[in-house]
Amino acid sequence: MTTQHFPFARDPRFGWLPGLLGTSSGVTLDDEVLDVRFGPWHLRTPLSNITGASVTGPYMAVKALGPRLSLSDRGVTFGTTTRAGACVLFAQPVPALDPLGLLRHPGATLTVADPARLVAALGF
């Protein structure tokens, strides 16, 4: 596999959000690693840690936008749209939101522009 990049979706209703994230935001996938950058937040894990992925959505805006923590399951959302995203599950929870890495997430929702392509690239 070559390195693949998946930009976050751009929703005109939330036009201010991409400006906060900067130009380096997105999901990069290579033969070994899933790497997610969402403004100053970062999630990186080996592909061997991924146990599942599926397309999910649509979402309510209050639950979909920005970096956020799900209080029900500790999952992380990197969201830019309410339409759809890729839900990725991990065998071992990964750090993403806190700079010390103490809070770990068992899954991540990534609202990339083509979530079905990301899920397929992950092999699910």
N, C-alpha and C. Protein backbone atom coordinates (compact mmCIF):
# COMPACT_ATOMS: atom_id res chain seq x y z
N MET A 1 0.86 -1.18 0.00
CA MET A 1 0.00 0.00 0.00
C MET A 1 0.90 1.24 0.00
N THR A 2 0.50 2.23 -0.71
CA THR A 2 1.18 3.52 -0.65
C THR A 2 0.51 4.35 0.43
N THR A 3 1.13 5.43 0.78
CA THR A 3 0.52 6.33 1.76
C THR A 3 -0.71 6.98 1.15
N GLN A 4 -1.80 6.95 1.92
CA GLN A 4 -3.04 7.57 1.48
C GLN A 4 -3.41 8.67 2.45
N HIS A 5 -3.94 9.77 1.92
CA HIS A 5 -4.39 10.88 2.76
C HIS A 5 -5.89 11.06 2.59
N PHE A 6 -6.57 11.27 3.71
CA PHE A 6 -8.02 11.46 3.72
C PHE A 6 -8.30 12.81 4.39
N PRO A 7 -8.64 13.83 3.62
CA PRO A 7 -8.94 15.13 4.23
C PRO A 7 -10.26 15.09 4.99
N PHE A 8 -10.38 15.94 5.98
CA PHE A 8 -11.65 16.05 6.68
C PHE A 8 -12.67 16.71 5.76
N ALA A 9 -13.93 16.31 5.93
CA ALA A 9 -15.02 16.89 5.14
C ALA A 9 -15.15 18.37 5.44
N ARG A 10 -15.61 19.10 4.46
CA ARG A 10 -15.86 20.53 4.66
C ARG A 10 -17.36 20.77 4.50
N ASP A 11 -17.96 21.22 5.56
CA ASP A 11 -19.39 21.49 5.56
C ASP A 11 -19.57 23.01 5.57
N PRO A 12 -20.21 23.60 4.54
CA PRO A 12 -20.33 25.05 4.47
C PRO A 12 -21.03 25.68 5.68
N ARG A 13 -21.87 24.91 6.35
CA ARG A 13 -22.55 25.45 7.54
C ARG A 13 -21.58 25.70 8.68
N PHE A 14 -20.44 25.03 8.64
CA PHE A 14 -19.45 25.18 9.71
C PHE A 14 -18.13 25.66 9.12
N GLY A 15 -18.21 26.67 8.26
CA GLY A 15 -17.06 27.17 7.54
C GLY A 15 -15.93 27.68 8.40
N TRP A 16 -16.21 28.03 9.62
CA TRP A 16 -15.18 28.53 10.54
C TRP A 16 -14.26 27.43 11.04
N LEU A 17 -14.74 26.18 11.05
CA LEU A 17 -13.98 25.09 11.66
C LEU A 17 -12.67 24.78 10.94
N PRO A 18 -12.64 24.65 9.60
CA PRO A 18 -11.36 24.34 8.96
C PRO A 18 -10.27 25.37 9.24
N GLY A 19 -10.65 26.62 9.40
CA GLY A 19 -9.67 27.64 9.71
C GLY A 19 -9.00 27.43 11.06
N LEU A 20 -9.73 26.88 11.99
CA LEU A 20 -9.16 26.59 13.30
C LEU A 20 -8.20 25.41 13.27
N LEU A 21 -8.42 24.52 12.33
CA LEU A 21 -7.64 23.29 12.29
C LEU A 21 -6.32 23.44 11.56
N GLY A 22 -6.23 24.37 10.64
CA GLY A 22 -5.01 24.52 9.87
C GLY A 22 -4.95 23.58 8.69
N THR A 23 -3.90 23.67 7.93
CA THR A 23 -3.80 22.91 6.68
C THR A 23 -3.26 21.50 6.86
N SER A 24 -2.67 21.19 8.00
CA SER A 24 -2.09 19.85 8.17
C SER A 24 -3.10 18.83 8.70
N SER A 25 -4.33 19.23 8.95
CA SER A 25 -5.32 18.32 9.49
C SER A 25 -5.75 17.30 8.45
N GLY A 26 -6.01 16.08 8.91
CA GLY A 26 -6.47 15.01 8.05
C GLY A 26 -6.03 13.67 8.60
N VAL A 27 -6.34 12.63 7.87
CA VAL A 27 -6.00 11.26 8.25
C VAL A 27 -5.03 10.72 7.21
N THR A 28 -3.92 10.17 7.69
CA THR A 28 -2.94 9.55 6.81
C THR A 28 -2.82 8.08 7.19
N LEU A 29 -2.77 7.25 6.17
CA LEU A 29 -2.73 5.81 6.36
C LEU A 29 -1.60 5.26 5.48
N ASP A 30 -0.71 4.46 6.10
CA ASP A 30 0.30 3.78 5.30
C ASP A 30 0.29 2.30 5.64
N ASP A 31 1.32 1.58 5.30
CA ASP A 31 1.35 0.13 5.52
C ASP A 31 1.31 -0.26 6.99
N GLU A 32 1.67 0.65 7.88
CA GLU A 32 1.81 0.29 9.28
C GLU A 32 1.00 1.13 10.26
N VAL A 33 0.66 2.36 9.89
CA VAL A 33 0.15 3.32 10.88
C VAL A 33 -1.05 4.11 10.37
N LEU A 34 -1.99 4.35 11.30
CA LEU A 34 -3.07 5.32 11.12
C LEU A 34 -2.64 6.57 11.88
N ASP A 35 -2.59 7.69 11.20
CA ASP A 35 -2.15 8.95 11.81
C ASP A 35 -3.22 10.00 11.57
N VAL A 36 -3.76 10.57 12.65
CA VAL A 36 -4.83 11.56 12.56
C VAL A 36 -4.33 12.87 13.16
N ARG A 37 -4.49 13.95 12.41
CA ARG A 37 -4.16 15.30 12.91
C ARG A 37 -5.41 16.16 12.76
N PHE A 38 -5.75 16.80 13.87
CA PHE A 38 -6.94 17.65 13.91
C PHE A 38 -6.54 18.91 14.66
N GLY A 39 -6.00 19.89 13.92
CA GLY A 39 -5.44 21.07 14.58
C GLY A 39 -4.31 20.62 15.50
N PRO A 40 -4.33 21.03 16.75
CA PRO A 40 -3.26 20.64 17.67
C PRO A 40 -3.39 19.22 18.24
N TRP A 41 -4.48 18.54 17.95
CA TRP A 41 -4.70 17.20 18.47
C TRP A 41 -4.16 16.15 17.52
N HIS A 42 -3.71 15.04 18.09
CA HIS A 42 -3.04 14.02 17.28
C HIS A 42 -3.36 12.63 17.83
N LEU A 43 -3.65 11.71 16.94
CA LEU A 43 -3.87 10.31 17.29
C LEU A 43 -3.03 9.49 16.32
N ARG A 44 -2.26 8.57 16.87
CA ARG A 44 -1.41 7.70 16.04
C ARG A 44 -1.44 6.30 16.64
N THR A 45 -1.69 5.31 15.78
CA THR A 45 -1.72 3.93 16.25
C THR A 45 -1.32 2.99 15.12
N PRO A 46 -0.70 1.86 15.46
CA PRO A 46 -0.40 0.87 14.41
C PRO A 46 -1.68 0.26 13.86
N LEU A 47 -1.66 -0.11 12.60
CA LEU A 47 -2.83 -0.74 11.99
C LEU A 47 -3.20 -2.03 12.72
N SER A 48 -2.23 -2.69 13.31
CA SER A 48 -2.50 -3.93 14.05
C SER A 48 -3.36 -3.69 15.29
N ASN A 49 -3.49 -2.45 15.72
CA ASN A 49 -4.32 -2.11 16.88
C ASN A 49 -5.78 -1.86 16.49
N ILE A 50 -6.08 -1.82 15.20
CA ILE A 50 -7.43 -1.53 14.73
C ILE A 50 -8.21 -2.84 14.60
N THR A 51 -9.34 -2.91 15.29
CA THR A 51 -10.15 -4.13 15.30
C THR A 51 -11.42 -4.02 14.45
N GLY A 52 -11.75 -2.83 14.02
CA GLY A 52 -12.95 -2.66 13.22
C GLY A 52 -13.09 -1.23 12.74
N ALA A 53 -13.89 -1.06 11.70
CA ALA A 53 -14.18 0.27 11.18
C ALA A 53 -15.48 0.19 10.39
N SER A 54 -16.29 1.23 10.51
CA SER A 54 -17.55 1.27 9.76
C SER A 54 -17.95 2.72 9.51
N VAL A 55 -18.78 2.91 8.49
CA VAL A 55 -19.32 4.23 8.20
C VAL A 55 -20.51 4.44 9.13
N THR A 56 -20.54 5.59 9.78
CA THR A 56 -21.64 5.94 10.68
C THR A 56 -22.16 7.33 10.34
N GLY A 57 -23.30 7.69 10.93
CA GLY A 57 -23.88 9.00 10.71
C GLY A 57 -25.25 8.83 10.11
N PRO A 58 -25.98 9.89 9.94
CA PRO A 58 -25.64 11.28 10.28
C PRO A 58 -25.66 11.51 11.80
N TYR A 59 -25.09 12.64 12.18
CA TYR A 59 -24.94 12.98 13.58
C TYR A 59 -25.64 14.30 13.90
N MET A 60 -25.96 14.49 15.17
CA MET A 60 -26.42 15.79 15.65
C MET A 60 -25.19 16.69 15.78
N ALA A 61 -25.31 17.96 15.43
CA ALA A 61 -24.17 18.88 15.45
C ALA A 61 -23.50 18.94 16.82
N VAL A 62 -24.27 18.92 17.88
CA VAL A 62 -23.68 19.03 19.22
C VAL A 62 -22.80 17.82 19.54
N LYS A 63 -23.02 16.70 18.86
CA LYS A 63 -22.23 15.51 19.11
C LYS A 63 -21.18 15.24 18.03
N ALA A 64 -21.15 16.06 17.00
CA ALA A 64 -20.31 15.73 15.86
C ALA A 64 -19.16 16.69 15.61
N LEU A 65 -19.25 17.91 16.07
CA LEU A 65 -18.28 18.91 15.65
C LEU A 65 -17.14 19.08 16.63
N GLY A 66 -15.97 19.31 16.06
CA GLY A 66 -14.80 19.60 16.85
C GLY A 66 -14.19 18.37 17.48
N PRO A 67 -13.14 18.59 18.21
CA PRO A 67 -12.62 17.48 18.99
C PRO A 67 -13.49 17.36 20.23
N ARG A 68 -13.95 16.16 20.50
CA ARG A 68 -14.79 15.98 21.69
C ARG A 68 -14.66 14.57 22.21
N LEU A 69 -14.96 14.46 23.48
CA LEU A 69 -14.93 13.18 24.18
C LEU A 69 -16.36 12.70 24.39
N SER A 70 -16.60 11.43 24.11
CA SER A 70 -17.90 10.84 24.42
C SER A 70 -17.87 10.40 25.88
N LEU A 71 -18.77 10.94 26.67
CA LEU A 71 -18.82 10.57 28.08
C LEU A 71 -19.35 9.16 28.28
N SER A 72 -20.06 8.62 27.30
CA SER A 72 -20.64 7.29 27.46
C SER A 72 -19.60 6.18 27.25
N ASP A 73 -18.67 6.37 26.31
CA ASP A 73 -17.71 5.29 26.04
C ASP A 73 -16.25 5.75 25.94
N ARG A 74 -15.96 7.00 26.23
CA ARG A 74 -14.62 7.59 26.19
C ARG A 74 -14.04 7.69 24.77
N GLY A 75 -14.87 7.46 23.75
CA GLY A 75 -14.40 7.60 22.38
C GLY A 75 -14.10 9.06 22.06
N VAL A 76 -13.28 9.28 21.06
CA VAL A 76 -12.93 10.62 20.62
C VAL A 76 -13.58 10.87 19.26
N THR A 77 -14.07 12.08 19.07
CA THR A 77 -14.61 12.49 17.78
C THR A 77 -13.77 13.64 17.25
N PHE A 78 -13.31 13.50 16.02
CA PHE A 78 -12.70 14.60 15.28
C PHE A 78 -13.68 14.91 14.17
N GLY A 79 -14.57 15.90 14.41
CA GLY A 79 -15.70 16.11 13.53
C GLY A 79 -15.75 17.46 12.85
N THR A 80 -16.08 17.43 11.56
CA THR A 80 -16.22 18.65 10.77
C THR A 80 -17.54 18.72 10.03
N THR A 81 -18.36 17.68 10.14
CA THR A 81 -19.64 17.64 9.45
C THR A 81 -20.60 16.73 10.22
N THR A 82 -21.87 16.89 9.95
CA THR A 82 -22.88 16.03 10.57
C THR A 82 -23.29 14.88 9.65
N ARG A 83 -22.82 14.89 8.41
CA ARG A 83 -23.28 13.92 7.40
C ARG A 83 -22.88 12.48 7.70
N ALA A 84 -21.58 12.22 7.79
CA ALA A 84 -21.10 10.84 7.98
C ALA A 84 -19.65 10.86 8.40
N GLY A 85 -19.20 9.74 8.93
CA GLY A 85 -17.81 9.60 9.33
C GLY A 85 -17.45 8.14 9.38
N ALA A 86 -16.19 7.89 9.69
CA ALA A 86 -15.70 6.53 9.88
C ALA A 86 -15.48 6.33 11.37
N CYS A 87 -16.10 5.29 11.91
CA CYS A 87 -15.89 4.92 13.31
C CYS A 87 -14.84 3.82 13.32
N VAL A 88 -13.72 4.09 14.00
CA VAL A 88 -12.59 3.16 14.05
C VAL A 88 -12.43 2.68 15.48
N LEU A 89 -12.33 1.36 15.66
CA LEU A 89 -12.22 0.76 16.99
C LEU A 89 -10.81 0.22 17.21
N PHE A 90 -10.34 0.30 18.47
CA PHE A 90 -8.98 -0.09 18.80
C PHE A 90 -8.96 -1.23 19.83
N ALA A 91 -8.01 -2.16 19.67
CA ALA A 91 -7.83 -3.23 20.65
C ALA A 91 -7.33 -2.64 21.96
N GLN A 92 -6.34 -1.78 21.87
CA GLN A 92 -5.80 -1.07 23.03
C GLN A 92 -6.16 0.41 22.87
N PRO A 93 -6.83 1.03 23.84
CA PRO A 93 -7.19 2.44 23.74
C PRO A 93 -5.96 3.32 23.48
N VAL A 94 -6.19 4.40 22.75
CA VAL A 94 -5.10 5.28 22.31
C VAL A 94 -5.29 6.70 22.85
N PRO A 95 -4.19 7.43 23.08
CA PRO A 95 -4.30 8.83 23.50
C PRO A 95 -4.62 9.72 22.31
N ALA A 96 -5.30 10.84 22.57
CA ALA A 96 -5.58 11.79 21.49
C ALA A 96 -5.87 13.19 22.01
N LEU A 97 -6.67 13.34 23.04
CA LEU A 97 -7.13 14.66 23.45
C LEU A 97 -6.26 15.36 24.49
N ASP A 98 -5.73 14.63 25.44
CA ASP A 98 -4.95 15.32 26.47
C ASP A 98 -3.46 15.19 26.17
N PRO A 99 -2.70 16.26 26.40
CA PRO A 99 -1.28 16.27 26.01
C PRO A 99 -0.42 15.27 26.77
N LEU A 100 -0.86 14.81 27.93
CA LEU A 100 -0.07 13.85 28.69
C LEU A 100 -0.37 12.40 28.30
N GLY A 101 -1.43 12.17 27.54
CA GLY A 101 -1.78 10.82 27.11
C GLY A 101 -2.38 9.96 28.19
N LEU A 102 -2.87 10.60 29.25
CA LEU A 102 -3.47 9.84 30.35
C LEU A 102 -4.87 9.34 30.00
N LEU A 103 -5.61 10.13 29.24
CA LEU A 103 -6.95 9.74 28.79
C LEU A 103 -6.79 8.98 27.48
N ARG A 104 -7.30 7.75 27.46
CA ARG A 104 -7.16 6.91 26.26
C ARG A 104 -8.54 6.54 25.73
N HIS A 105 -8.62 6.40 24.42
CA HIS A 105 -9.90 6.24 23.73
C HIS A 105 -9.98 4.86 23.05
N PRO A 106 -11.08 4.13 23.27
CA PRO A 106 -11.25 2.83 22.63
C PRO A 106 -11.72 2.92 21.18
N GLY A 107 -12.08 4.11 20.74
CA GLY A 107 -12.54 4.30 19.37
C GLY A 107 -12.45 5.75 18.98
N ALA A 108 -12.51 6.00 17.67
CA ALA A 108 -12.46 7.36 17.15
C ALA A 108 -13.44 7.49 15.99
N THR A 109 -14.17 8.60 15.96
CA THR A 109 -15.01 8.95 14.83
C THR A 109 -14.30 10.03 14.04
N LEU A 110 -14.08 9.78 12.77
CA LEU A 110 -13.32 10.67 11.89
C LEU A 110 -14.19 11.08 10.72
N THR A 111 -14.56 12.35 10.65
CA THR A 111 -15.47 12.80 9.58
C THR A 111 -14.68 13.24 8.35
N VAL A 112 -14.03 12.27 7.74
CA VAL A 112 -13.29 12.54 6.51
C VAL A 112 -14.26 12.71 5.35
N ALA A 113 -13.75 13.29 4.25
CA ALA A 113 -14.60 13.56 3.10
C ALA A 113 -15.17 12.29 2.47
N ASP A 114 -14.43 11.19 2.54
CA ASP A 114 -14.90 9.92 1.97
C ASP A 114 -14.73 8.80 3.00
N PRO A 115 -15.65 8.72 3.97
CA PRO A 115 -15.49 7.72 5.03
C PRO A 115 -15.52 6.28 4.51
N ALA A 116 -16.27 6.00 3.47
CA ALA A 116 -16.31 4.63 2.92
C ALA A 116 -14.95 4.22 2.37
N ARG A 117 -14.26 5.14 1.75
CA ARG A 117 -12.92 4.85 1.22
C ARG A 117 -11.93 4.58 2.34
N LEU A 118 -12.03 5.34 3.45
CA LEU A 118 -11.16 5.10 4.61
C LEU A 118 -11.43 3.73 5.21
N VAL A 119 -12.69 3.39 5.40
CA VAL A 119 -13.06 2.09 5.97
C VAL A 119 -12.54 0.97 5.08
N ALA A 120 -12.69 1.10 3.76
CA ALA A 120 -12.19 0.09 2.83
C ALA A 120 -10.67 -0.01 2.89
N ALA A 121 -9.98 1.12 2.96
CA ALA A 121 -8.52 1.13 3.03
C ALA A 121 -8.02 0.45 4.31
N LEU A 122 -8.82 0.52 5.37
CA LEU A 122 -8.48 -0.15 6.63
C LEU A 122 -8.79 -1.65 6.57
N GLY A 123 -9.49 -2.08 5.53
CA GLY A 123 -9.78 -3.50 5.35
C GLY A 123 -11.07 -3.97 5.98
N PHE A 124 -12.01 -3.05 6.21
CA PHE A 124 -13.28 -3.44 6.84
C PHE A 124 -14.47 -3.10 5.94
